[in-house]
């Protein structure tokens, strides 16, 4: 059964609401297959289908028969079905709108009914929500009052009797929590589903993971199950190139790390205890704030055993050079800086996920030129990996990593591009290289197509197109700029090396990047050792000097006692030893 909100007219028909809502319809059906115990078992969308993911195909007599085939499927987990009302074609699929979110698979199709199975079990242990600011859903499924915090609202969503995919808190009333099974991935068929609210925010479920660790006799295996198709890689943190597994659009994947494999760098921590750090990286080359870090542990007794532990973690063609001006003007002096989002002072260091900006500026504010940027590339500190951020046309290659280049609100002499700090697995140094070309009097922007998470294209403006030059001059069009920054990741792995080995099993622990102070114990020990050594050296030197002075004093006293002067010389206490030698004393006495 599907829950509904509808308005009835005078004759019993449904009418359009005058309030800022969209309507959800429900239909009660008697099914031949026992449904689940959820609030409703099927979502139906008319005139839409999920294309390209059919796992099974049959011809049936009715939509309900197609639905029952999906609910009763045993060879695979049927998440959705397409039914053609004209031909009776029934397509069963392992995917649904949530698992393929961000693609263009969910498409309008006249005469089709798309049916989504809400009885499927999906990961709910490690979930990440993205904050969408400035809007809330017009219609929701549940409303709770007197909820103490946004974290409590989040828990209500994760434990709701239906597949909750978004929530908002405190936007429609104090301590009010609203839950919905909708997200941007499921709203393609609804016109204007959001209410624009500048101070409001919707928290949308991005993805969930279930993590299990299989401790086997010769290796440890980290198994991951996701709620959304994952396209990236999983690897051991210390060996991103040698102990890695590429994942291509999969809901389940794993990484095996043998204990005798030096490339996977599994460490032995006590008797029968093995540990390692694993990174789940979404992008093929760089680490972003969406990535996850896991500390995995296997503990063995005398017999091998496999223990599963699910851990809740909160966790283009080239542009031809050209310039329009009839007089010769010196090239502008352009600087590139990495700053915060306001475009302020240069930042030499950052952490993965920090909001940053690339700032391109003509230092001479009286210059007649403006600039545009193209072929912006990020490289690691050793030059072995690189990623193109702005292509040769001046358009961003992936808006999730770096946005379009836009002019500053204050002056056309400054260009900015926002991005969240990222790094390469092989180095903490990220180097940015860009070609900057001046144009006069202004630079024309280029239209760039940007794909939304719903699969739709949105046109954005980036300053990557310029006027052609009417006459040649002495100016060198392209300027090559380089800037570097040191970026640390958020995976602050830290283990208790003296942890008791009495508990036998496996562990997977997510290590977030909490704010606070960190102490380098190895450095502290070295510093203390150097300090103590310096103190001992000073004491030894002082003791040596004191002993020499004491010995000299005793030697002087012994000489004055052992000398026996002749009678004729004893009256003069001021005679020197030279006089003693002159009187032959040195020849008659031995010291």
Protein backbone atom coordinates (compact mmCIF):
# COMPACT_ATOMS: atom_id res chain seq x y z
CA UNK A 1 0.00 0.00 0.00
CA UNK A 2 1.19 3.51 -0.80
CA UNK A 3 0.37 6.39 1.50
CA UNK A 4 -1.37 9.46 -0.01
CA UNK A 5 -2.49 12.96 0.56
CA UNK A 6 -5.22 14.20 -1.75
CA UNK A 7 -7.95 16.83 -1.91
CA UNK A 8 -11.47 15.81 -2.92
CA UNK A 9 -13.71 18.11 -4.93
CA UNK A 10 -17.47 18.52 -4.63
CA UNK A 11 -18.12 15.57 -6.98
CA UNK A 12 -15.55 13.30 -5.34
CA UNK A 13 -12.80 13.99 -7.89
CA UNK A 14 -9.27 15.08 -7.08
CA UNK A 15 -8.61 18.80 -7.49
CA UNK A 16 -5.46 20.86 -7.62
CA UNK A 17 -4.36 22.17 -4.25
CA UNK A 18 -4.19 25.91 -3.63
CA UNK A 19 -1.47 25.38 -1.02
CA UNK A 20 2.27 24.97 -1.78
CA UNK A 21 2.18 21.15 -1.74
CA UNK A 22 2.36 18.31 -4.20
CA UNK A 23 -0.06 15.39 -3.90
CA UNK A 24 0.74 11.75 -3.15
CA UNK A 25 -1.87 9.19 -4.16
CA UNK A 26 -2.39 5.75 -2.60
CA UNK A 27 -4.03 2.59 -3.85
CA UNK A 28 -4.78 -0.46 -1.74
CA UNK A 29 -4.15 -3.81 -3.48
CA UNK A 30 -4.62 -7.45 -2.48
CA UNK A 31 -1.44 -9.19 -3.55
CA UNK A 32 -0.79 -12.88 -4.09
CA UNK A 33 2.69 -12.44 -2.59
CA UNK A 34 2.96 -11.46 1.06
CA UNK A 35 4.39 -7.95 1.26
CA UNK A 36 6.73 -6.64 3.96
CA UNK A 37 5.70 -4.95 7.19
CA UNK A 38 6.56 -1.47 6.00
CA UNK A 39 4.12 1.43 5.72
CA UNK A 40 3.80 0.72 2.00
CA UNK A 41 5.52 -1.74 -0.30
CA UNK A 42 5.49 -0.15 -3.77
CA UNK A 43 6.06 3.29 -5.29
CA UNK A 44 4.46 3.70 -8.72
CA UNK A 45 5.37 6.43 -11.23
CA UNK A 46 3.30 6.72 -14.40
CA UNK A 47 4.86 7.35 -17.82
CA UNK A 48 8.41 6.68 -16.59
CA UNK A 49 10.78 3.74 -16.80
CA UNK A 50 14.26 2.76 -15.61
CA UNK A 51 16.25 2.12 -18.78
CA UNK A 52 19.31 -0.07 -19.27
CA UNK A 53 19.18 -2.23 -16.15
CA UNK A 54 16.68 -5.01 -16.97
CA UNK A 55 17.72 -8.31 -15.35
CA UNK A 56 14.68 -10.38 -16.32
CA UNK A 57 11.99 -9.96 -18.99
CA UNK A 58 8.53 -11.56 -19.24
CA UNK A 59 5.14 -10.87 -20.80
CA UNK A 60 2.28 -10.73 -18.29
CA UNK A 61 -1.40 -9.87 -18.31
CA UNK A 62 -1.51 -7.01 -15.81
CA UNK A 63 0.53 -4.49 -13.88
CA UNK A 64 -0.24 -6.29 -10.62
CA UNK A 65 1.11 -9.55 -12.01
CA UNK A 66 4.34 -7.76 -12.95
CA UNK A 67 4.49 -6.31 -9.44
CA UNK A 68 4.05 -9.74 -7.85
CA UNK A 69 6.82 -11.14 -10.01
CA UNK A 70 9.18 -8.53 -8.59
CA UNK A 71 8.09 -9.13 -4.98
CA UNK A 72 8.45 -12.90 -5.38
CA UNK A 73 11.76 -12.96 -7.29
CA UNK A 74 14.28 -15.32 -5.65
CA UNK A 75 17.20 -15.47 -8.13
CA UNK A 76 18.16 -11.84 -7.45
CA UNK A 77 16.96 -8.92 -5.37
CA UNK A 78 14.34 -7.18 -7.51
CA UNK A 79 14.35 -3.48 -6.68
CA UNK A 80 12.08 -2.22 -9.48
CA UNK A 81 9.98 -3.20 -12.46
CA UNK A 82 8.90 -1.55 -15.74
CA UNK A 83 5.49 -2.48 -17.11
CA UNK A 84 4.34 -1.62 -20.64
CA UNK A 85 0.57 -1.25 -20.52
CA UNK A 86 0.22 -1.77 -24.29
CA UNK A 87 2.34 -4.90 -24.78
CA UNK A 88 2.37 -6.43 -21.29
CA UNK A 89 6.19 -6.43 -21.19
CA UNK A 90 7.46 -6.73 -17.60
CA UNK A 91 11.12 -5.88 -16.97
CA UNK A 92 12.60 -6.70 -13.55
CA UNK A 93 15.75 -4.92 -12.36
CA UNK A 94 18.27 -5.06 -9.50
CA UNK A 95 18.44 -1.26 -9.57
CA UNK A 96 16.08 1.56 -8.62
CA UNK A 97 16.08 5.36 -8.65
CA UNK A 98 18.23 5.54 -5.51
CA UNK A 99 20.97 3.12 -6.58
CA UNK A 100 21.44 4.89 -9.95
CA UNK A 101 21.04 8.43 -8.58
CA UNK A 102 22.99 10.93 -10.64
CA UNK A 103 22.57 9.05 -13.91
CA UNK A 104 20.04 9.54 -16.71
CA UNK A 105 18.59 6.02 -16.45
CA UNK A 106 15.21 7.14 -15.07
CA UNK A 107 13.49 8.49 -18.19
CA UNK A 108 10.01 9.61 -19.34
CA UNK A 109 8.26 6.83 -21.31
CA UNK A 110 4.66 7.05 -22.46
CA UNK A 111 2.54 4.02 -21.65
CA UNK A 112 4.94 2.65 -19.02
CA UNK A 113 4.50 2.24 -15.28
CA UNK A 114 7.59 2.27 -13.10
CA UNK A 115 7.20 0.33 -9.83
CA UNK A 116 9.77 0.50 -7.05
CA UNK A 117 10.03 -2.17 -4.34
CA UNK A 118 10.15 -0.63 -0.86
CA UNK A 119 10.56 -4.03 0.81
CA UNK A 120 14.23 -4.33 -0.16
CA UNK A 121 16.79 -4.26 2.63
CA UNK A 122 19.43 -1.62 2.09
CA UNK A 123 22.45 -0.55 4.17
CA UNK A 124 21.62 1.76 7.07
CA UNK A 125 24.67 1.46 9.32
CA UNK A 126 27.05 4.03 7.87
CA UNK A 127 25.05 6.85 6.31
CA UNK A 128 26.06 10.26 5.01
CA UNK A 129 23.58 13.10 4.56
CA UNK A 130 24.22 16.12 2.33
CA UNK A 131 22.86 19.51 3.37
CA UNK A 132 20.79 21.36 0.74
CA UNK A 133 20.42 24.96 1.85
CA UNK A 134 17.63 27.37 0.96
CA UNK A 135 14.81 24.88 0.35
CA UNK A 136 12.54 22.31 1.98
CA UNK A 137 10.07 19.81 0.53
CA UNK A 138 6.50 21.00 0.15
CA UNK A 139 5.10 17.57 1.07
CA UNK A 140 6.51 15.04 3.55
CA UNK A 141 5.46 11.66 4.93
CA UNK A 142 5.91 12.15 8.69
CA UNK A 143 5.96 15.13 11.06
CA UNK A 144 7.32 14.87 14.62
CA UNK A 145 7.12 17.58 17.27
CA UNK A 146 9.24 18.27 20.35
CA UNK A 147 12.36 16.71 18.83
CA UNK A 148 15.37 17.88 20.81
CA UNK A 149 18.04 18.12 18.10
CA UNK A 150 18.79 17.62 14.43
CA UNK A 151 20.68 14.43 15.38
CA UNK A 152 17.48 12.97 16.87
CA UNK A 153 15.65 13.88 13.66
CA UNK A 154 18.32 12.08 11.68
CA UNK A 155 17.89 8.93 13.78
CA UNK A 156 14.13 9.06 13.22
CA UNK A 157 14.78 9.08 9.48
CA UNK A 158 17.17 6.12 9.63
CA UNK A 159 14.70 4.10 11.73
CA UNK A 160 11.46 5.09 9.99
CA UNK A 161 8.93 2.42 8.87
CA UNK A 162 9.65 3.31 5.24
CA UNK A 163 12.75 4.12 3.20
CA UNK A 164 13.41 7.66 4.43
CA UNK A 165 15.72 9.64 2.15
CA UNK A 166 15.51 13.22 3.48
CA UNK A 167 14.55 15.26 6.50
CA UNK A 168 14.43 18.86 7.72
CA UNK A 169 14.48 20.21 11.27
CA UNK A 170 13.20 23.43 12.80
CA UNK A 171 12.21 25.07 9.50
CA UNK A 172 8.40 24.74 9.81
CA UNK A 173 8.30 25.23 13.57
CA UNK A 174 10.47 25.04 16.65
CA UNK A 175 11.66 21.48 17.36
CA UNK A 176 9.66 20.14 14.38
CA UNK A 177 11.18 17.20 12.45
CA UNK A 178 9.80 16.26 9.00
CA UNK A 179 10.69 13.04 7.16
CA UNK A 180 10.20 12.06 3.53
CA UNK A 181 10.88 9.05 1.31
CA UNK A 182 11.71 11.52 -1.47
CA UNK A 183 15.05 12.98 -2.52
CA UNK A 184 16.25 14.72 -5.65
CA UNK A 185 16.64 11.30 -7.29
CA UNK A 186 12.91 10.53 -6.91
CA UNK A 187 11.42 13.92 -7.78
CA UNK A 188 11.90 13.92 -11.57
CA UNK A 189 8.17 13.52 -12.21
CA UNK A 190 7.07 16.25 -9.76
CA UNK A 191 6.88 19.91 -10.75
CA UNK A 192 8.37 22.39 -8.25
CA UNK A 193 8.66 19.96 -5.32
CA UNK A 194 10.64 22.36 -3.14
CA UNK A 195 9.60 25.45 -1.24
CA UNK A 196 12.26 28.15 -1.45
CA UNK A 197 13.20 29.11 2.11
CA UNK A 198 16.42 31.13 2.49
CA UNK A 199 16.95 30.06 6.12
CA UNK A 200 15.82 26.46 5.58
CA UNK A 201 17.80 23.31 4.90
CA UNK A 202 17.03 19.80 3.74
CA UNK A 203 19.32 16.94 4.73
CA UNK A 204 19.36 14.42 1.89
CA UNK A 205 20.67 10.88 2.18
CA UNK A 206 23.72 10.60 -0.07
CA UNK A 207 24.74 6.98 0.49
CA UNK A 208 24.84 4.27 3.16
CA UNK A 209 27.39 1.53 3.73
CA UNK A 210 27.47 -1.74 5.62
CA UNK A 211 31.00 -2.86 6.48
CA UNK A 212 31.98 -6.41 7.47
CA UNK A 213 35.42 -7.85 8.16
CA UNK A 214 36.09 -11.50 7.31
CA UNK A 215 39.09 -12.82 9.26
CA UNK A 216 40.41 -15.86 7.41
CA UNK A 217 43.42 -18.09 7.96
CA UNK A 218 45.74 -16.22 5.62
CA UNK A 219 44.18 -12.82 5.07
CA UNK A 220 41.61 -10.27 6.20
CA UNK A 221 38.82 -9.24 3.82
CA UNK A 222 36.95 -5.94 4.09
CA UNK A 223 33.51 -6.30 2.46
CA UNK A 224 31.42 -3.23 1.62
CA UNK A 225 27.73 -3.05 0.70
CA UNK A 226 26.35 0.29 -0.53
CA UNK A 227 22.93 1.79 -1.19
CA UNK A 228 24.14 3.62 -4.31
CA UNK A 229 26.25 2.39 -7.21
CA UNK A 230 29.88 2.96 -6.27
CA UNK A 231 32.43 3.87 -8.92
CA UNK A 232 35.90 4.35 -7.43
CA UNK A 233 38.42 2.23 -5.58
CA UNK A 234 39.25 0.72 -2.21
CA UNK A 235 42.84 0.38 -1.02
CA UNK A 236 45.15 0.04 1.98
CA UNK A 237 46.08 3.52 3.15
CA UNK A 238 49.82 2.91 3.15
CA UNK A 239 49.78 1.19 -0.26
CA UNK A 240 47.42 3.08 -2.60
CA UNK A 241 49.09 1.73 -5.75
CA UNK A 242 49.93 -1.86 -4.84
CA UNK A 243 47.10 -2.98 -2.54
CA UNK A 244 44.07 -1.60 -4.38
CA UNK A 245 40.87 -2.76 -6.03
CA UNK A 246 39.10 -0.73 -8.72
CA UNK A 247 35.30 -0.79 -8.42
CA UNK A 248 33.13 -0.15 -11.46
CA UNK A 249 29.48 0.72 -10.69
CA UNK A 250 28.83 -1.93 -8.08
CA UNK A 251 26.68 -2.22 -4.95
CA UNK A 252 29.04 -4.73 -3.31
CA UNK A 253 32.84 -4.93 -3.35
CA UNK A 254 35.71 -6.14 -1.18
CA UNK A 255 39.46 -5.88 -0.56
CA UNK A 256 41.53 -8.90 0.54
CA UNK A 257 44.76 -8.17 2.45
CA UNK A 258 47.05 -11.16 2.97
CA UNK A 259 49.13 -11.23 6.15
CA UNK A 260 52.27 -12.28 4.27
CA UNK A 261 51.81 -9.69 1.50
CA UNK A 262 54.23 -6.83 2.09
CA UNK A 263 52.40 -4.68 -0.45
CA UNK A 264 49.26 -4.54 1.71
CA UNK A 265 51.27 -3.56 4.80
CA UNK A 266 49.14 -5.47 7.32
CA UNK A 267 50.65 -4.93 10.78
CA UNK A 268 50.80 -7.43 13.62
CA UNK A 269 49.78 -5.79 16.87
CA UNK A 270 50.20 -8.31 19.66
CA UNK A 271 49.59 -12.04 19.74
CA UNK A 272 47.22 -13.05 16.95
CA UNK A 273 46.09 -9.46 16.34
CA UNK A 274 46.34 -7.92 12.84
CA UNK A 275 45.42 -4.35 11.90
CA UNK A 276 45.31 -2.18 8.80
CA UNK A 277 43.80 1.08 7.52
CA UNK A 278 41.51 1.08 4.48
CA UNK A 279 40.32 4.02 2.33
CA UNK A 280 37.11 4.00 0.27
CA UNK A 281 37.78 6.61 -2.43
CA UNK A 282 35.07 7.78 -4.82
CA UNK A 283 37.25 9.60 -7.34
CA UNK A 284 39.78 7.67 -9.36
CA UNK A 285 42.73 9.94 -8.53
CA UNK A 286 42.07 12.25 -5.59
CA UNK A 287 40.78 12.10 -2.02
CA UNK A 288 37.73 14.27 -1.28
CA UNK A 289 35.56 14.96 1.75
CA UNK A 290 33.10 12.26 0.61
CA UNK A 291 35.66 9.49 1.09
CA UNK A 292 35.74 7.15 4.08
CA UNK A 293 38.51 5.77 6.26
CA UNK A 294 38.24 2.45 8.08
CA UNK A 295 40.52 0.95 10.71
CA UNK A 296 40.09 -2.83 10.41
CA UNK A 297 41.24 -5.41 12.95
CA UNK A 298 41.30 -9.21 13.13
CA UNK A 299 41.97 -11.06 16.39
CA UNK A 300 42.59 -14.84 16.38
CA UNK A 301 42.61 -17.60 18.97
CA UNK A 302 44.08 -21.07 18.35
CA UNK A 303 41.41 -21.84 15.78
CA UNK A 304 40.58 -19.68 12.79
CA UNK A 305 37.19 -18.10 12.76
CA UNK A 306 35.32 -15.56 10.64
CA UNK A 307 33.52 -12.82 12.53
CA UNK A 308 31.34 -10.17 10.93
CA UNK A 309 30.93 -6.84 12.63
CA UNK A 310 28.78 -4.09 11.16
CA UNK A 311 29.91 -0.76 12.49
CA UNK A 312 27.80 2.36 12.77
CA UNK A 313 29.98 5.14 11.44
CA UNK A 314 29.07 8.77 11.14
CA UNK A 315 30.81 9.01 9.21
CA UNK A 316 36.49 19.99 -26.92
CA UNK A 317 38.45 21.46 -29.03
CA UNK A 318 41.13 24.00 -28.27
CA UNK A 319 40.35 27.69 -28.27
CA UNK A 320 42.47 29.53 -30.83
CA UNK A 321 44.45 32.40 -29.29
CA UNK A 322 43.34 35.90 -30.20
CA UNK A 323 43.34 39.46 -28.90
CA UNK A 324 41.60 42.64 -30.04
CA UNK A 325 43.57 45.86 -29.77
CA UNK A 326 45.38 48.10 -32.20
CA UNK A 327 48.06 49.38 -29.82
CA UNK A 328 50.84 47.55 -28.07
CA UNK A 329 50.27 47.19 -24.34
CA UNK A 330 52.50 45.35 -21.88
CA UNK A 331 51.28 41.99 -20.67
CA UNK A 332 49.46 42.11 -17.35
CA UNK A 333 51.11 40.77 -14.23
CA UNK A 334 48.85 37.92 -13.07
CA UNK A 335 49.04 36.01 -9.77
CA UNK A 336 47.34 32.77 -8.72
CA UNK A 337 46.61 32.17 -5.03
CA UNK A 338 44.84 29.48 -3.01
CA UNK A 339 42.57 31.17 -0.48
CA UNK A 340 39.45 30.62 1.56
CA UNK A 341 36.04 31.10 -0.06
CA UNK A 342 36.19 34.88 0.42
CA UNK A 343 39.33 35.12 -1.73
CA UNK A 344 41.43 36.50 1.14
CA UNK A 345 45.00 35.70 2.10
CA UNK A 346 47.05 32.84 0.67
CA UNK A 347 46.64 29.53 2.52
CA UNK A 348 49.78 27.34 2.53
CA UNK A 349 48.04 24.36 4.17
CA UNK A 350 44.55 22.89 4.41
CA UNK A 351 42.68 19.69 5.21
CA UNK A 352 40.63 17.53 2.88
CA UNK A 353 37.13 18.98 2.66
CA UNK A 354 38.06 22.56 3.65
CA UNK A 355 36.19 25.15 1.53
CA UNK A 356 38.82 26.86 -0.65
CA UNK A 357 39.04 29.06 -3.72
CA UNK A 358 41.52 29.57 -6.54
CA UNK A 359 42.03 33.29 -7.08
CA UNK A 360 43.47 34.68 -10.35
CA UNK A 361 44.22 38.38 -10.15
CA UNK A 362 45.72 41.08 -12.35
CA UNK A 363 47.94 42.90 -9.87
CA UNK A 364 47.78 46.21 -11.74
CA UNK A 365 44.23 47.45 -11.22
CA UNK A 366 44.72 50.05 -14.00
CA UNK A 367 45.54 47.40 -16.58
CA UNK A 368 43.28 47.50 -19.68
CA UNK A 369 43.11 43.70 -19.73
CA UNK A 370 40.89 41.07 -18.26
CA UNK A 371 41.78 37.39 -18.07
CA UNK A 372 40.33 33.95 -18.50
CA UNK A 373 41.64 30.58 -17.36
CA UNK A 374 41.84 27.27 -19.18
CA UNK A 375 43.69 23.96 -18.92
CA UNK A 376 43.81 24.07 -15.12
CA UNK A 377 45.50 20.89 -13.90
CA UNK A 378 46.19 19.54 -10.41
CA UNK A 379 49.25 17.33 -9.86
CA UNK A 380 50.65 15.49 -6.87
CA UNK A 381 53.96 16.45 -5.28
CA UNK A 382 55.94 13.81 -7.16
CA UNK A 383 54.39 14.48 -10.56
CA UNK A 384 53.11 10.95 -11.11
CA UNK A 385 49.38 11.73 -10.96
CA UNK A 386 47.33 14.56 -12.38
CA UNK A 387 43.72 15.52 -12.96
CA UNK A 388 42.26 18.12 -15.34
CA UNK A 389 39.96 20.54 -13.48
CA UNK A 390 39.26 23.14 -16.21
CA UNK A 391 39.45 21.93 -19.81
CA UNK A 392 40.82 23.72 -22.88
CA UNK A 393 37.46 25.45 -23.41
CA UNK A 394 37.44 26.89 -19.91
CA UNK A 395 34.72 24.56 -18.56
CA UNK A 396 34.99 22.51 -15.35
CA UNK A 397 35.40 18.80 -16.01
CA UNK A 398 33.70 17.72 -12.77
CA UNK A 399 31.60 20.27 -10.90
CA UNK A 400 31.72 18.11 -7.75
CA UNK A 401 35.49 18.75 -7.54
CA UNK A 402 35.78 22.31 -8.87
CA UNK A 403 33.11 24.75 -9.94
CA UNK A 404 33.10 27.18 -12.88
CA UNK A 405 35.33 30.25 -12.95
CA UNK A 406 33.48 33.49 -12.27
CA UNK A 407 34.34 37.15 -11.92
CA UNK A 408 34.66 38.77 -8.54
CA UNK A 409 31.75 41.01 -7.58
CA UNK A 410 34.22 43.85 -6.96
CA UNK A 411 36.24 43.90 -10.17
CA UNK A 412 36.70 42.12 -13.48
CA UNK A 413 40.43 41.87 -12.75
CA UNK A 414 39.85 38.98 -10.33
CA UNK A 415 38.55 35.49 -11.17
CA UNK A 416 37.53 32.93 -8.56
CA UNK A 417 36.67 29.24 -8.57
CA UNK A 418 35.38 27.42 -5.51
CA UNK A 419 36.41 23.90 -4.56
CA UNK A 420 36.73 21.67 -1.52
CA UNK A 421 40.28 20.72 -0.60
CA UNK A 422 41.42 17.37 -2.00
CA UNK A 423 44.68 15.45 -2.18
CA UNK A 424 46.31 12.58 -4.00
CA UNK A 425 46.92 9.32 -2.12
CA UNK A 426 50.62 9.42 -3.01
CA UNK A 427 51.46 12.88 -1.64
CA UNK A 428 50.27 15.65 0.68
CA UNK A 429 51.39 18.31 -1.82
CA UNK A 430 48.93 19.42 -4.51
CA UNK A 431 50.26 21.59 -7.31
CA UNK A 432 47.94 23.66 -9.52
CA UNK A 433 49.02 24.66 -13.04
CA UNK A 434 46.98 26.86 -15.33
CA UNK A 435 47.16 28.72 -18.61
CA UNK A 436 45.91 32.29 -18.21
CA UNK A 437 45.22 34.40 -21.27
CA UNK A 438 44.57 38.16 -21.23
CA UNK A 439 41.86 39.71 -23.39
CA UNK A 440 40.86 43.29 -24.11
CA UNK A 441 38.69 45.02 -23.16
CA UNK A 442 36.68 42.18 -21.60
CA UNK A 443 36.60 38.40 -21.69
CA UNK A 444 33.54 36.69 -23.07
CA UNK A 445 32.25 33.79 -20.94
CA UNK A 446 31.65 30.30 -22.28
CA UNK A 447 28.48 28.27 -21.73
CA UNK A 448 29.21 24.97 -19.98
CA UNK A 449 26.77 22.08 -19.56
CA UNK A 450 26.74 20.78 -16.00
CA UNK A 451 24.96 17.54 -15.10
CA UNK A 452 22.82 17.64 -11.98
CA UNK A 453 22.39 14.69 -9.61
CA UNK A 454 19.01 14.07 -11.23
CA UNK A 455 20.72 13.48 -14.59
CA UNK A 456 19.49 16.76 -16.09
CA UNK A 457 21.88 19.23 -17.70
CA UNK A 458 22.15 22.78 -16.42
CA UNK A 459 23.94 25.56 -18.28
CA UNK A 460 26.52 27.52 -16.29
CA UNK A 461 28.81 30.38 -17.26
CA UNK A 462 32.58 30.10 -16.97
CA UNK A 463 35.09 32.67 -18.12
CA UNK A 464 36.89 30.59 -20.68
CA UNK A 465 36.11 32.24 -24.04
CA UNK A 466 37.74 35.39 -25.37
CA UNK A 467 37.67 37.82 -28.23
CA UNK A 468 39.85 37.19 -31.25
CA UNK A 469 42.70 39.57 -31.88
CA UNK A 470 42.31 41.99 -34.77
CA UNK A 471 46.01 42.65 -35.11
CA UNK A 472 49.11 40.94 -33.84
CA UNK A 473 51.25 42.52 -31.17
CA UNK A 474 54.18 41.75 -28.95
CA UNK A 475 52.09 40.34 -26.10
CA UNK A 476 52.56 36.68 -25.22
CA UNK A 477 48.98 35.40 -24.98
CA UNK A 478 49.27 32.44 -22.63
CA UNK A 479 50.82 32.82 -19.19
CA UNK A 480 51.74 29.69 -17.26
CA UNK A 481 50.98 29.94 -13.53
CA UNK A 482 51.91 27.46 -10.79
CA UNK A 483 50.87 27.33 -7.15
CA UNK A 484 51.18 24.60 -4.50
CA UNK A 485 49.47 23.79 -1.21
CA UNK A 486 49.99 21.11 1.43
CA UNK A 487 46.79 19.20 2.18
CA UNK A 488 46.39 16.56 4.87
CA UNK A 489 43.65 13.96 4.83
CA UNK A 490 41.01 13.52 7.52
CA UNK A 491 41.94 9.96 8.34
CA UNK A 492 43.74 10.50 11.65
CA UNK A 493 44.37 6.82 12.31
CA UNK A 494 45.48 6.25 15.89
CA UNK A 495 45.57 2.91 17.67
CA UNK A 496 46.16 1.75 21.22
CA UNK A 497 49.13 -0.54 20.65
CA UNK A 498 48.84 -1.95 24.19
CA UNK A 499 45.21 -2.91 23.80
CA UNK A 500 44.37 -6.20 25.49
CA UNK A 501 44.21 -9.13 23.13
CA UNK A 502 41.76 -11.04 25.28
CA UNK A 503 38.77 -10.13 23.10
CA UNK A 504 38.71 -12.34 20.04
CA UNK A 505 36.98 -11.14 16.88
CA UNK A 506 37.24 -8.35 14.34
CA UNK A 507 36.79 -4.63 14.40
CA UNK A 508 36.12 -1.89 11.87
CA UNK A 509 36.42 1.64 13.16
CA UNK A 510 35.75 4.93 11.33
CA UNK A 511 38.15 7.70 12.27
CA UNK A 512 36.68 11.16 11.59
CA UNK A 513 38.71 14.31 11.54
CA UNK A 514 37.81 15.84 14.92
CA UNK A 515 39.04 19.29 15.76
CA UNK A 516 41.71 19.41 18.50
CA UNK A 517 45.39 19.24 19.24
CA UNK A 518 47.57 16.33 18.20
CA UNK A 519 50.85 15.31 19.85
CA UNK A 520 53.63 13.59 17.96
CA UNK A 521 54.86 11.11 20.59
CA UNK A 522 57.97 10.09 18.62
CA UNK A 523 59.02 13.73 18.26
CA UNK A 524 58.32 14.39 21.92
CA UNK A 525 60.49 11.45 23.00
CA UNK A 526 63.37 12.56 20.74
CA UNK A 527 63.16 16.13 22.06
CA UNK A 528 63.20 14.91 25.69
CA UNK A 529 66.21 12.67 24.96
CA UNK A 530 68.16 15.53 23.38
CA UNK A 531 67.34 17.80 26.31
CA UNK A 532 68.55 15.25 28.89
CA UNK A 533 71.73 14.58 26.89
CA UNK A 534 72.48 18.31 26.83
CA UNK A 535 71.99 18.54 30.59
CA UNK A 536 74.34 15.57 31.20
CA UNK A 537 76.98 17.15 28.94
CA UNK A 538 76.85 20.42 30.89
CA UNK A 539 77.16 18.59 34.23
CA UNK A 540 80.10 16.52 32.94
CA UNK A 541 81.93 19.62 31.68
CA UNK A 542 81.41 21.46 34.97
CA UNK A 543 82.64 18.42 36.95
CA UNK A 544 85.77 18.17 34.77
CA UNK A 545 86.65 21.85 35.25
CA UNK A 546 86.04 21.62 39.01
CA UNK A 547 88.27 18.53 39.33
CA UNK A 548 91.10 20.23 37.42
CA UNK A 549 90.92 23.29 39.61
CA UNK A 550 90.94 21.12 42.73
CA UNK A 551 93.93 19.10 41.46
CA UNK A 552 95.86 22.26 40.60
CA UNK A 553 95.22 23.62 44.06
CA UNK A 554 96.50 20.43 45.74
CA UNK A 555 99.58 20.36 43.49
CA UNK A 556 100.48 23.92 44.44
CA UNK A 557 100.15 23.14 48.14
CA UNK A 558 102.39 20.00 47.77
CA UNK A 559 105.17 21.97 46.04
CA UNK A 560 105.33 24.62 48.74
CA UNK A 561 105.69 21.96 51.42
CA UNK A 562 108.31 19.82 49.65
CA UNK A 563 110.69 22.70 48.91
CA UNK A 564 113.47 23.07 51.51
CA UNK A 565 115.37 26.29 50.99
CA UNK A 566 119.03 26.78 52.03
CA UNK A 567 119.63 28.80 55.12
CA UNK A 568 121.08 31.69 53.26
CA UNK A 569 117.94 32.09 51.18
CA UNK A 570 115.28 31.50 53.78
CA UNK A 571 115.13 35.13 54.85
CA UNK A 572 113.78 36.26 51.50
CA UNK A 573 110.21 34.94 50.94
CA UNK A 574 109.99 36.70 47.61
CA UNK A 575 112.83 34.83 45.85
CA UNK A 576 111.76 33.01 42.74
CA UNK A 577 112.49 29.48 41.64
CA UNK A 578 114.91 30.94 39.13
CA UNK A 579 117.12 32.08 42.02
CA UNK A 580 116.97 28.61 43.48
CA UNK A 581 118.22 27.18 40.23
CA UNK A 582 120.93 29.87 40.04
CA UNK A 583 122.21 28.82 43.48
CA UNK A 584 122.50 25.22 42.43
CA UNK A 585 119.45 24.01 44.41
CA UNK A 586 117.92 22.38 41.40
CA UNK A 587 120.97 20.18 41.07
CA UNK A 588 120.95 19.04 44.67
CA UNK A 589 117.20 18.21 45.07
CA UNK A 590 114.72 16.16 43.03
CA UNK A 591 111.04 16.74 42.83
